[in-house]
PDB file of all heavy atoms in Angstrom:
ATOM      1  N   PHE A   1     -17.421 -12.343  -3.258  1.00  0.00           N
ATOM      2  CA  PHE A   1     -16.282 -13.089  -3.796  1.00  0.00           C
ATOM      3  C   PHE A   1     -14.968 -12.424  -3.409  1.00  0.00           C
ATOM      4  O   PHE A   1     -14.012 -13.088  -3.007  1.00  0.00           O
ATOM      5  CB  PHE A   1     -16.409 -13.183  -5.319  1.00  0.00           C
ATOM      6  CG  PHE A   1     -15.305 -13.942  -5.994  1.00  0.00           C
ATOM      7  CD1 PHE A   1     -15.257 -15.326  -5.929  1.00  0.00           C
ATOM      8  CD2 PHE A   1     -14.314 -13.269  -6.692  1.00  0.00           C
ATOM      9  CE1 PHE A   1     -14.236 -16.036  -6.552  1.00  0.00           C
ATOM     10  CE2 PHE A   1     -13.289 -13.967  -7.316  1.00  0.00           C
ATOM     11  CZ  PHE A   1     -13.250 -15.354  -7.249  1.00  0.00           C
ATOM     12  N   TRP A   2     -14.910 -11.101  -3.486  1.00  0.00           N
ATOM     13  CA  TRP A   2     -13.690 -10.368  -3.148  1.00  0.00           C
ATOM     14  C   TRP A   2     -13.288 -10.571  -1.689  1.00  0.00           C
ATOM     15  O   TRP A   2     -12.088 -10.590  -1.368  1.00  0.00           O
ATOM     16  CB  TRP A   2     -13.892  -8.875  -3.402  1.00  0.00           C
ATOM     17  CG  TRP A   2     -13.871  -8.503  -4.859  1.00  0.00           C
ATOM     18  CD1 TRP A   2     -13.433  -9.267  -5.898  1.00  0.00           C
ATOM     19  CD2 TRP A   2     -14.300  -7.262  -5.419  1.00  0.00           C
ATOM     20  NE1 TRP A   2     -13.565  -8.590  -7.087  1.00  0.00           N
ATOM     21  CE2 TRP A   2     -14.097  -7.353  -6.835  1.00  0.00           C
ATOM     22  CE3 TRP A   2     -14.836  -6.100  -4.910  1.00  0.00           C
ATOM     23  CZ2 TRP A   2     -14.404  -6.316  -7.711  1.00  0.00           C
ATOM     24  CZ3 TRP A   2     -15.145  -5.064  -5.768  1.00  0.00           C
ATOM     25  CH2 TRP A   2     -14.935  -5.174  -7.158  1.00  0.00           C
ATOM     26  N   LYS A   3     -14.263 -10.717  -0.818  1.00  0.00           N
ATOM     27  CA  LYS A   3     -13.977 -10.850   0.606  1.00  0.00           C
ATOM     28  C   LYS A   3     -13.254 -12.145   0.963  1.00  0.00           C
ATOM     29  O   LYS A   3     -12.726 -12.293   2.060  1.00  0.00           O
ATOM     30  CB  LYS A   3     -15.273 -10.745   1.411  1.00  0.00           C
ATOM     31  CG  LYS A   3     -15.919  -9.368   1.355  1.00  0.00           C
ATOM     32  CD  LYS A   3     -17.284  -9.375   2.027  1.00  0.00           C
ATOM     33  CE  LYS A   3     -17.981  -8.030   1.849  1.00  0.00           C
ATOM     34  NZ  LYS A   3     -19.360  -8.038   2.415  1.00  0.00           N
ATOM     35  N   LYS A   4     -13.207 -13.089   0.026  1.00  0.00           N
ATOM     36  CA  LYS A   4     -12.555 -14.381   0.286  1.00  0.00           C
ATOM     37  C   LYS A   4     -11.041 -14.300   0.170  1.00  0.00           C
ATOM     38  O   LYS A   4     -10.333 -15.212   0.595  1.00  0.00           O
ATOM     39  CB  LYS A   4     -13.065 -15.432  -0.697  1.00  0.00           C
ATOM     40  CG  LYS A   4     -14.553 -15.731  -0.598  1.00  0.00           C
ATOM     41  CD  LYS A   4     -14.963 -16.741  -1.650  1.00  0.00           C
ATOM     42  CE  LYS A   4     -16.454 -17.022  -1.603  1.00  0.00           C
ATOM     43  NZ  LYS A   4     -16.873 -17.993  -2.661  1.00  0.00           N
ATOM     44  N   PHE A   5     -10.533 -13.202  -0.404  1.00  0.00           N
ATOM     45  CA  PHE A   5      -9.112 -13.122  -0.704  1.00  0.00           C
ATOM     46  C   PHE A   5      -8.443 -11.997   0.078  1.00  0.00           C
ATOM     47  O   PHE A   5      -9.059 -10.967   0.367  1.00  0.00           O
ATOM     48  CB  PHE A   5      -8.912 -12.901  -2.212  1.00  0.00           C
ATOM     49  CG  PHE A   5      -9.550 -13.979  -3.053  1.00  0.00           C
ATOM     50  CD1 PHE A   5     -10.835 -13.813  -3.554  1.00  0.00           C
ATOM     51  CD2 PHE A   5      -8.872 -15.156  -3.306  1.00  0.00           C
ATOM     52  CE1 PHE A   5     -11.431 -14.800  -4.308  1.00  0.00           C
ATOM     53  CE2 PHE A   5      -9.456 -16.161  -4.061  1.00  0.00           C
ATOM     54  CZ  PHE A   5     -10.745 -15.986  -4.567  1.00  0.00           C
ATOM     55  N   PRO A   6      -7.167 -12.185   0.423  1.00  0.00           N
ATOM     56  CA  PRO A   6      -6.463 -11.168   1.221  1.00  0.00           C
ATOM     57  C   PRO A   6      -6.178  -9.905   0.427  1.00  0.00           C
ATOM     58  O   PRO A   6      -5.982  -9.929  -0.787  1.00  0.00           O
ATOM     59  CB  PRO A   6      -5.156 -11.877   1.602  1.00  0.00           C
ATOM     60  CG  PRO A   6      -4.956 -12.910   0.553  1.00  0.00           C
ATOM     61  CD  PRO A   6      -6.336 -13.374   0.159  1.00  0.00           C
ATOM     62  N   ASN A   7      -6.151  -8.800   1.150  1.00  0.00           N
ATOM     63  CA  ASN A   7      -5.814  -7.495   0.584  1.00  0.00           C
ATOM     64  C   ASN A   7      -4.506  -7.010   1.185  1.00  0.00           C
ATOM     65  O   ASN A   7      -4.260  -7.177   2.386  1.00  0.00           O
ATOM     66  CB  ASN A   7      -6.904  -6.467   0.905  1.00  0.00           C
ATOM     67  CG  ASN A   7      -8.236  -6.801   0.275  1.00  0.00           C
ATOM     68  OD1 ASN A   7      -8.540  -6.379  -0.827  1.00  0.00           O
ATOM     69  ND2 ASN A   7      -9.051  -7.576   0.989  1.00  0.00           N
ATOM     70  N   ARG A   8      -3.673  -6.391   0.367  1.00  0.00           N
ATOM     71  CA  ARG A   8      -2.491  -5.732   0.911  1.00  0.00           C
ATOM     72  C   ARG A   8      -2.962  -4.589   1.799  1.00  0.00           C
ATOM     73  O   ARG A   8      -3.913  -3.893   1.471  1.00  0.00           O
ATOM     74  CB  ARG A   8      -1.617  -5.215  -0.229  1.00  0.00           C
ATOM     75  CG  ARG A   8      -0.318  -4.593   0.261  1.00  0.00           C
ATOM     76  CD  ARG A   8       0.361  -3.787  -0.825  1.00  0.00           C
ATOM     77  NE  ARG A   8       1.264  -4.597  -1.624  1.00  0.00           N
ATOM     78  CZ  ARG A   8       1.138  -4.783  -2.925  1.00  0.00           C
ATOM     79  NH1 ARG A   8       0.120  -4.243  -3.572  1.00  0.00           N
ATOM     80  NH2 ARG A   8       2.012  -5.505  -3.588  1.00  0.00           N
ATOM     81  N   PHE A   9      -2.286  -4.377   2.921  1.00  0.00           N
ATOM     82  CA  PHE A   9      -2.739  -3.378   3.894  1.00  0.00           C
ATOM     83  C   PHE A   9      -2.755  -1.974   3.313  1.00  0.00           C
ATOM     84  O   PHE A   9      -3.448  -1.090   3.813  1.00  0.00           O
ATOM     85  CB  PHE A   9      -1.862  -3.421   5.145  1.00  0.00           C
ATOM     86  CG  PHE A   9      -0.514  -2.787   4.980  1.00  0.00           C
ATOM     87  CD1 PHE A   9      -0.256  -1.521   5.481  1.00  0.00           C
ATOM     88  CD2 PHE A   9       0.514  -3.457   4.315  1.00  0.00           C
ATOM     89  CE1 PHE A   9       0.988  -0.931   5.338  1.00  0.00           C
ATOM     90  CE2 PHE A   9       1.759  -2.878   4.168  1.00  0.00           C
ATOM     91  CZ  PHE A   9       2.004  -1.612   4.672  1.00  0.00           C
ATOM     92  N   VAL A  10      -1.997  -1.747   2.234  1.00  0.00           N
ATOM     93  CA  VAL A  10      -1.984  -0.440   1.588  1.00  0.00           C
ATOM     94  C   VAL A  10      -1.874  -0.657   0.083  1.00  0.00           C
ATOM     95  O   VAL A  10      -1.196  -1.573  -0.382  1.00  0.00           O
ATOM     96  CB  VAL A  10      -0.807   0.425   2.096  1.00  0.00           C
ATOM     97  CG1 VAL A  10       0.529  -0.256   1.835  1.00  0.00           C
ATOM     98  CG2 VAL A  10      -0.821   1.806   1.445  1.00  0.00           C
ATOM     99  N   HIS A  11      -2.549   0.194  -0.685  1.00  0.00           N
ATOM    100  CA  HIS A  11      -2.400   0.170  -2.126  1.00  0.00           C
ATOM    101  C   HIS A  11      -1.179   1.022  -2.475  1.00  0.00           C
ATOM    102  O   HIS A  11      -1.237   2.250  -2.447  1.00  0.00           O
ATOM    103  CB  HIS A  11      -3.648   0.733  -2.820  1.00  0.00           C
ATOM    104  CG  HIS A  11      -4.877  -0.079  -2.600  1.00  0.00           C
ATOM    105  ND1 HIS A  11      -5.709   0.114  -1.515  1.00  0.00           N
ATOM    106  CD2 HIS A  11      -5.420  -1.098  -3.317  1.00  0.00           C
ATOM    107  CE1 HIS A  11      -6.722  -0.742  -1.577  1.00  0.00           C
ATOM    108  NE2 HIS A  11      -6.569  -1.489  -2.653  1.00  0.00           N
ATOM    109  N   GLY A  12      -0.081   0.388  -2.767  1.00  0.00           N
ATOM    110  CA  GLY A  12       1.135   1.116  -3.049  1.00  0.00           C
ATOM    111  C   GLY A  12       2.234   0.180  -3.510  1.00  0.00           C
ATOM    112  O   GLY A  12       2.118  -1.045  -3.406  1.00  0.00           O
ATOM    113  N   ARG A  13       3.311   0.772  -4.014  1.00  0.00           N
ATOM    114  CA  ARG A  13       4.443  -0.049  -4.463  1.00  0.00           C
ATOM    115  C   ARG A  13       5.710   0.799  -4.457  1.00  0.00           C
ATOM    116  O   ARG A  13       5.675   2.021  -4.581  1.00  0.00           O
ATOM    117  CB  ARG A  13       4.196  -0.600  -5.866  1.00  0.00           C
ATOM    118  CG  ARG A  13       3.969   0.456  -6.934  1.00  0.00           C
ATOM    119  CD  ARG A  13       3.603  -0.162  -8.281  1.00  0.00           C
ATOM    120  NE  ARG A  13       3.305   0.853  -9.276  1.00  0.00           N
ATOM    121  CZ  ARG A  13       4.218   1.464 -10.023  1.00  0.00           C
ATOM    122  NH1 ARG A  13       5.489   1.146  -9.881  1.00  0.00           N
ATOM    123  NH2 ARG A  13       3.874   2.367 -10.910  1.00  0.00           N
ATOM    124  N   MET A  14       6.829   0.115  -4.284  1.00  0.00           N
ATOM    125  CA  MET A  14       8.157   0.738  -4.326  1.00  0.00           C
ATOM    126  C   MET A  14       8.234   1.933  -3.379  1.00  0.00           C
ATOM    127  O   MET A  14       8.638   3.041  -3.753  1.00  0.00           O
ATOM    128  CB  MET A  14       8.509   1.139  -5.770  1.00  0.00           C
ATOM    129  CG  MET A  14       8.512  -0.022  -6.745  1.00  0.00           C
ATOM    130  SD  MET A  14       8.898   0.448  -8.446  1.00  0.00           S
ATOM    131  CE  MET A  14      10.642   0.826  -8.306  1.00  0.00           C
ATOM    132  N   ASN A  15       7.835   1.712  -2.133  1.00  0.00           N
ATOM    133  CA  ASN A  15       7.872   2.755  -1.105  1.00  0.00           C
ATOM    134  C   ASN A  15       8.870   2.398  -0.016  1.00  0.00           C
ATOM    135  O   ASN A  15       9.201   1.228   0.185  1.00  0.00           O
ATOM    136  CB  ASN A  15       6.490   2.942  -0.475  1.00  0.00           C
ATOM    137  CG  ASN A  15       5.464   3.459  -1.460  1.00  0.00           C
ATOM    138  OD1 ASN A  15       5.708   4.428  -2.167  1.00  0.00           O
ATOM    139  ND2 ASN A  15       4.301   2.828  -1.517  1.00  0.00           N
ATOM    140  N   GLN A  16       9.299   3.399   0.720  1.00  0.00           N
ATOM    141  CA  GLN A  16      10.178   3.193   1.863  1.00  0.00           C
ATOM    142  C   GLN A  16       9.748   4.111   3.001  1.00  0.00           C
ATOM    143  O   GLN A  16       9.708   5.323   2.850  1.00  0.00           O
ATOM    144  CB  GLN A  16      11.633   3.485   1.479  1.00  0.00           C
ATOM    145  CG  GLN A  16      12.626   3.279   2.614  1.00  0.00           C
ATOM    146  CD  GLN A  16      14.059   3.574   2.197  1.00  0.00           C
ATOM    147  OE1 GLN A  16      14.374   3.616   1.021  1.00  0.00           O
ATOM    148  NE2 GLN A  16      14.934   3.786   3.167  1.00  0.00           N
ATOM    149  N   ASN A  17       9.386   3.501   4.105  1.00  0.00           N
ATOM    150  CA  ASN A  17       9.006   4.247   5.309  1.00  0.00           C
ATOM    151  C   ASN A  17       7.833   5.190   5.038  1.00  0.00           C
ATOM    152  O   ASN A  17       7.947   6.414   5.116  1.00  0.00           O
ATOM    153  CB  ASN A  17      10.196   5.038   5.850  1.00  0.00           C
ATOM    154  CG  ASN A  17       9.899   5.680   7.193  1.00  0.00           C
ATOM    155  OD1 ASN A  17       9.108   5.152   7.983  1.00  0.00           O
ATOM    156  ND2 ASN A  17      10.505   6.825   7.462  1.00  0.00           N
ATOM    157  N   ILE A  18       6.690   4.605   4.710  1.00  0.00           N
ATOM    158  CA  ILE A  18       5.503   5.428   4.428  1.00  0.00           C
ATOM    159  C   ILE A  18       4.306   4.918   5.221  1.00  0.00           C
ATOM    160  O   ILE A  18       4.235   3.750   5.604  1.00  0.00           O
ATOM    161  CB  ILE A  18       5.162   5.440   2.917  1.00  0.00           C
ATOM    162  CG1 ILE A  18       4.665   4.053   2.431  1.00  0.00           C
ATOM    163  CG2 ILE A  18       6.331   5.899   2.100  1.00  0.00           C
ATOM    164  CD1 ILE A  18       3.190   3.910   2.313  1.00  0.00           C
ATOM    165  N   THR A  19       3.367   5.802   5.471  1.00  0.00           N
ATOM    166  CA  THR A  19       2.028   5.430   5.924  1.00  0.00           C
ATOM    167  C   THR A  19       1.044   6.227   5.080  1.00  0.00           C
ATOM    168  O   THR A  19       1.293   7.387   4.748  1.00  0.00           O
ATOM    169  CB  THR A  19       1.796   5.748   7.418  1.00  0.00           C
ATOM    170  OG1 THR A  19       2.022   7.141   7.649  1.00  0.00           O
ATOM    171  CG2 THR A  19       2.701   4.925   8.311  1.00  0.00           C
ATOM    172  N   GLY A  20      -0.045   5.616   4.722  1.00  0.00           N
ATOM    173  CA  GLY A  20      -1.029   6.303   3.895  1.00  0.00           C
ATOM    174  C   GLY A  20      -1.767   5.335   3.011  1.00  0.00           C
ATOM    175  O   GLY A  20      -1.847   4.137   3.302  1.00  0.00           O
ATOM    176  N   GLU A  21      -2.306   5.828   1.919  1.00  0.00           N
ATOM    177  CA  GLU A  21      -3.074   5.006   0.990  1.00  0.00           C
ATOM    178  C   GLU A  21      -2.898   5.542  -0.425  1.00  0.00           C
ATOM    179  O   GLU A  21      -2.883   6.762  -0.642  1.00  0.00           O
ATOM    180  CB  GLU A  21      -4.556   5.025   1.390  1.00  0.00           C
ATOM    181  CG  GLU A  21      -5.435   4.082   0.589  1.00  0.00           C
ATOM    182  CD  GLU A  21      -4.975   2.639   0.647  1.00  0.00           C
ATOM    183  OE1 GLU A  21      -4.087   2.278  -0.163  1.00  0.00           O
ATOM    184  OE2 GLU A  21      -5.478   1.872   1.479  1.00  0.00           O
ATOM    185  N   TYR A  22      -2.756   4.614  -1.372  1.00  0.00           N
ATOM    186  CA  TYR A  22      -2.469   4.955  -2.770  1.00  0.00           C
ATOM    187  C   TYR A  22      -1.190   5.801  -2.862  1.00  0.00           C
ATOM    188  O   TYR A  22      -1.168   6.898  -3.423  1.00  0.00           O
ATOM    189  CB  TYR A  22      -3.642   5.694  -3.415  1.00  0.00           C
ATOM    190  CG  TYR A  22      -4.936   4.913  -3.432  1.00  0.00           C
ATOM    191  CD1 TYR A  22      -6.076   5.392  -2.795  1.00  0.00           C
ATOM    192  CD2 TYR A  22      -5.027   3.692  -4.087  1.00  0.00           C
ATOM    193  CE1 TYR A  22      -7.264   4.674  -2.803  1.00  0.00           C
ATOM    194  CE2 TYR A  22      -6.211   2.960  -4.101  1.00  0.00           C
ATOM    195  CZ  TYR A  22      -7.329   3.454  -3.451  1.00  0.00           C
ATOM    196  OH  TYR A  22      -8.503   2.737  -3.457  1.00  0.00           O
ATOM    197  N   VAL A  23      -0.135   5.281  -2.260  1.00  0.00           N
ATOM    198  CA  VAL A  23       1.160   5.950  -2.271  1.00  0.00           C
ATOM    199  C   VAL A  23       2.138   5.097  -3.076  1.00  0.00           C
ATOM    200  O   VAL A  23       2.255   3.893  -2.836  1.00  0.00           O
ATOM    201  CB  VAL A  23       1.700   6.152  -0.842  1.00  0.00           C
ATOM    202  CG1 VAL A  23       3.047   6.873  -0.866  1.00  0.00           C
ATOM    203  CG2 VAL A  23       0.700   6.922   0.004  1.00  0.00           C
ATOM    204  N   VAL A  24       2.833   5.710  -4.040  1.00  0.00           N
ATOM    205  CA  VAL A  24       3.778   4.961  -4.870  1.00  0.00           C
ATOM    206  C   VAL A  24       5.096   5.717  -5.002  1.00  0.00           C
ATOM    207  O   VAL A  24       5.136   6.950  -4.934  1.00  0.00           O
ATOM    208  CB  VAL A  24       3.205   4.675  -6.284  1.00  0.00           C
ATOM    209  CG1 VAL A  24       1.961   3.817  -6.196  1.00  0.00           C
ATOM    210  CG2 VAL A  24       2.897   5.971  -7.025  1.00  0.00           C
ATOM    211  N   LEU A  25       6.181   4.945  -5.131  1.00  0.00           N
ATOM    212  CA  LEU A  25       7.504   5.501  -5.413  1.00  0.00           C
ATOM    213  C   LEU A  25       7.884   6.605  -4.431  1.00  0.00           C
ATOM    214  O   LEU A  25       8.465   7.636  -4.806  1.00  0.00           O
ATOM    215  CB  LEU A  25       7.562   6.045  -6.848  1.00  0.00           C
ATOM    216  CG  LEU A  25       7.329   5.019  -7.971  1.00  0.00           C
ATOM    217  CD1 LEU A  25       7.058   5.727  -9.287  1.00  0.00           C
ATOM    218  CD2 LEU A  25       8.525   4.101  -8.106  1.00  0.00           C
ATOM    219  N   SER A  26       7.575   6.415  -3.156  1.00  0.00           N
ATOM    220  CA  SER A  26       7.758   7.485  -2.171  1.00  0.00           C
ATOM    221  C   SER A  26       8.653   7.042  -1.017  1.00  0.00           C
ATOM    222  O   SER A  26       8.827   5.843  -0.759  1.00  0.00           O
ATOM    223  CB  SER A  26       6.402   7.951  -1.645  1.00  0.00           C
ATOM    224  OG  SER A  26       5.622   8.506  -2.693  1.00  0.00           O
ATOM    225  N   LYS A  27       9.197   8.034  -0.331  1.00  0.00           N
ATOM    226  CA  LYS A  27      10.111   7.777   0.779  1.00  0.00           C
ATOM    227  C   LYS A  27       9.844   8.772   1.907  1.00  0.00           C
ATOM    228  O   LYS A  27       9.677   9.963   1.672  1.00  0.00           O
ATOM    229  CB  LYS A  27      11.562   7.916   0.291  1.00  0.00           C
ATOM    230  CG  LYS A  27      12.619   7.693   1.353  1.00  0.00           C
ATOM    231  CD  LYS A  27      14.008   7.873   0.762  1.00  0.00           C
ATOM    232  CE  LYS A  27      15.097   7.689   1.804  1.00  0.00           C
ATOM    233  NZ  LYS A  27      16.447   7.902   1.237  1.00  0.00           N
ATOM    234  N   ASN A  28       9.774   8.252   3.124  1.00  0.00           N
ATOM    235  CA  ASN A  28       9.540   9.090   4.302  1.00  0.00           C
ATOM    236  C   ASN A  28       8.283   9.942   4.133  1.00  0.00           C
ATOM    237  O   ASN A  28       8.305  11.176   4.264  1.00  0.00           O
ATOM    238  CB  ASN A  28      10.746   9.997   4.576  1.00  0.00           C
ATOM    239  CG  ASN A  28      12.014   9.204   4.822  1.00  0.00           C
ATOM    240  OD1 ASN A  28      11.973   8.077   5.309  1.00  0.00           O
ATOM    241  ND2 ASN A  28      13.154   9.794   4.482  1.00  0.00           N
ATOM    242  N   ALA A  29       7.192   9.281   3.815  1.00  0.00           N
ATOM    243  CA  ALA A  29       5.903   9.963   3.634  1.00  0.00           C
ATOM    244  C   ALA A  29       4.955   9.498   4.731  1.00  0.00           C
ATOM    245  O   ALA A  29       4.677   8.300   4.861  1.00  0.00           O
ATOM    246  CB  ALA A  29       5.326   9.656   2.256  1.00  0.00           C
TER     247      ALA A  29
END
């Protein structure tokens, strides 16, 4: 069932210029 719906490419929020996973409230990470 989960496979039917889109996933955000990263689990995160309120970030700026980041790459990674489970990153929040971060900048230049």
